[in-house]
Amino acid sequence: MTEPAIIETAEQAREGETSGHMRWVLLWSVALSIAAIAIAGLAIVG
């Protein structure tokens, strides 16, 4: 569900003048996604 949003954010980062800000938003989105997957993995294993 989150991957299309990340792709759209990347496209906006290339087109928009605020590429620096959008890059941070993309970075945080990826980081939160990884964190969510890690937590889910620990919950399943635990």
N, C-alpha and C. Protein backbone atom coordinates (compact mmCIF):
# COMPACT_ATOMS: atom_id res chain seq x y z
N MET A 1 0.83 -1.20 0.00
CA MET A 1 0.00 0.00 0.00
C MET A 1 0.88 1.26 0.00
N THR A 2 2.03 1.19 0.63
CA THR A 2 2.85 2.40 0.79
C THR A 2 3.81 2.60 -0.39
N GLU A 3 4.07 1.56 -1.16
CA GLU A 3 5.06 1.68 -2.23
C GLU A 3 4.65 2.68 -3.32
N PRO A 4 3.40 2.66 -3.80
CA PRO A 4 3.00 3.65 -4.82
C PRO A 4 3.17 5.08 -4.31
N ALA A 5 2.87 5.32 -3.04
CA ALA A 5 3.01 6.66 -2.47
C ALA A 5 4.48 7.08 -2.48
N ILE A 6 5.37 6.14 -2.17
CA ILE A 6 6.80 6.44 -2.16
C ILE A 6 7.27 6.77 -3.57
N ILE A 7 6.77 6.04 -4.56
CA ILE A 7 7.14 6.29 -5.96
C ILE A 7 6.67 7.68 -6.37
N GLU A 8 5.44 8.05 -6.00
CA GLU A 8 4.91 9.36 -6.34
C GLU A 8 5.74 10.46 -5.67
N THR A 9 6.15 10.21 -4.42
CA THR A 9 6.97 11.18 -3.71
C THR A 9 8.30 11.38 -4.43
N ALA A 10 8.87 10.30 -4.93
CA ALA A 10 10.15 10.38 -5.64
C ALA A 10 9.99 11.21 -6.91
N GLU A 11 8.89 11.02 -7.62
CA GLU A 11 8.64 11.79 -8.84
C GLU A 11 8.47 13.27 -8.53
N GLN A 12 7.76 13.57 -7.44
CA GLN A 12 7.57 14.96 -7.04
C GLN A 12 8.91 15.58 -6.65
N ALA A 13 9.78 14.78 -6.04
CA ALA A 13 11.09 15.29 -5.62
C ALA A 13 11.91 15.70 -6.84
N ARG A 14 11.77 14.96 -7.94
CA ARG A 14 12.52 15.28 -9.15
C ARG A 14 11.96 16.54 -9.82
N GLU A 15 10.63 16.69 -9.77
CA GLU A 15 9.99 17.80 -10.48
C GLU A 15 10.00 19.08 -9.66
N GLY A 16 9.75 18.95 -8.33
CA GLY A 16 9.59 20.14 -7.49
C GLY A 16 10.90 20.83 -7.18
N GLU A 17 10.78 22.11 -6.80
CA GLU A 17 11.97 22.87 -6.42
C GLU A 17 12.41 22.50 -5.01
N THR A 18 11.48 21.96 -4.22
CA THR A 18 11.78 21.59 -2.83
C THR A 18 12.26 20.14 -2.79
N SER A 19 13.21 19.82 -3.68
CA SER A 19 13.69 18.44 -3.77
C SER A 19 14.36 18.01 -2.47
N GLY A 20 15.02 18.94 -1.80
CA GLY A 20 15.69 18.60 -0.55
C GLY A 20 14.69 18.14 0.50
N HIS A 21 13.60 18.89 0.64
CA HIS A 21 12.57 18.55 1.62
C HIS A 21 11.91 17.23 1.26
N MET A 22 11.57 17.06 -0.02
CA MET A 22 10.91 15.84 -0.45
C MET A 22 11.83 14.64 -0.27
N ARG A 23 13.12 14.87 -0.41
CA ARG A 23 14.09 13.79 -0.22
C ARG A 23 14.07 13.32 1.22
N TRP A 24 13.95 14.28 2.17
CA TRP A 24 13.86 13.91 3.58
C TRP A 24 12.57 13.17 3.85
N VAL A 25 11.47 13.61 3.22
CA VAL A 25 10.18 12.94 3.40
C VAL A 25 10.27 11.51 2.89
N LEU A 26 10.92 11.33 1.74
CA LEU A 26 11.09 9.99 1.17
C LEU A 26 11.94 9.14 2.10
N LEU A 27 13.02 9.73 2.63
CA LEU A 27 13.91 8.99 3.52
C LEU A 27 13.17 8.54 4.77
N TRP A 28 12.36 9.44 5.36
CA TRP A 28 11.60 9.10 6.56
C TRP A 28 10.56 8.04 6.24
N SER A 29 9.93 8.12 5.06
CA SER A 29 8.93 7.12 4.67
C SER A 29 9.56 5.74 4.59
N VAL A 30 10.74 5.66 3.98
CA VAL A 30 11.44 4.38 3.87
C VAL A 30 11.85 3.88 5.25
N ALA A 31 12.36 4.79 6.08
CA ALA A 31 12.80 4.41 7.43
C ALA A 31 11.64 3.88 8.26
N LEU A 32 10.50 4.57 8.19
CA LEU A 32 9.32 4.13 8.95
C LEU A 32 8.81 2.80 8.43
N SER A 33 8.88 2.61 7.11
CA SER A 33 8.44 1.34 6.53
C SER A 33 9.32 0.19 7.02
N ILE A 34 10.63 0.41 7.02
CA ILE A 34 11.57 -0.61 7.51
C ILE A 34 11.32 -0.89 8.98
N ALA A 35 11.08 0.16 9.76
CA ALA A 35 10.82 -0.01 11.19
C ALA A 35 9.54 -0.81 11.41
N ALA A 36 8.51 -0.51 10.62
CA ALA A 36 7.24 -1.22 10.76
C ALA A 36 7.41 -2.70 10.41
N ILE A 37 8.17 -2.98 9.36
CA ILE A 37 8.42 -4.37 8.96
C ILE A 37 9.22 -5.09 10.04
N ALA A 38 10.20 -4.41 10.62
CA ALA A 38 11.02 -5.00 11.68
C ALA A 38 10.17 -5.32 12.90
N ILE A 39 9.32 -4.38 13.29
CA ILE A 39 8.44 -4.60 14.45
C ILE A 39 7.49 -5.76 14.18
N ALA A 40 6.93 -5.80 12.98
CA ALA A 40 6.01 -6.89 12.62
C ALA A 40 6.76 -8.22 12.65
N GLY A 41 7.99 -8.23 12.14
CA GLY A 41 8.78 -9.46 12.15
C GLY A 41 9.06 -9.93 13.56
N LEU A 42 9.42 -9.01 14.44
CA LEU A 42 9.67 -9.38 15.84
C LEU A 42 8.39 -9.88 16.50
N ALA A 43 7.26 -9.27 16.16
CA ALA A 43 5.98 -9.68 16.74
C ALA A 43 5.64 -11.10 16.30
N ILE A 44 5.91 -11.41 15.02
CA ILE A 44 5.61 -12.75 14.50
C ILE A 44 6.54 -13.78 15.14
N VAL A 45 7.83 -13.46 15.20
CA VAL A 45 8.80 -14.39 15.78
C VAL A 45 8.54 -14.56 17.27
N GLY A 46 8.22 -13.44 17.93
CA GLY A 46 7.97 -13.49 19.37
C GLY A 46 6.63 -14.14 19.64
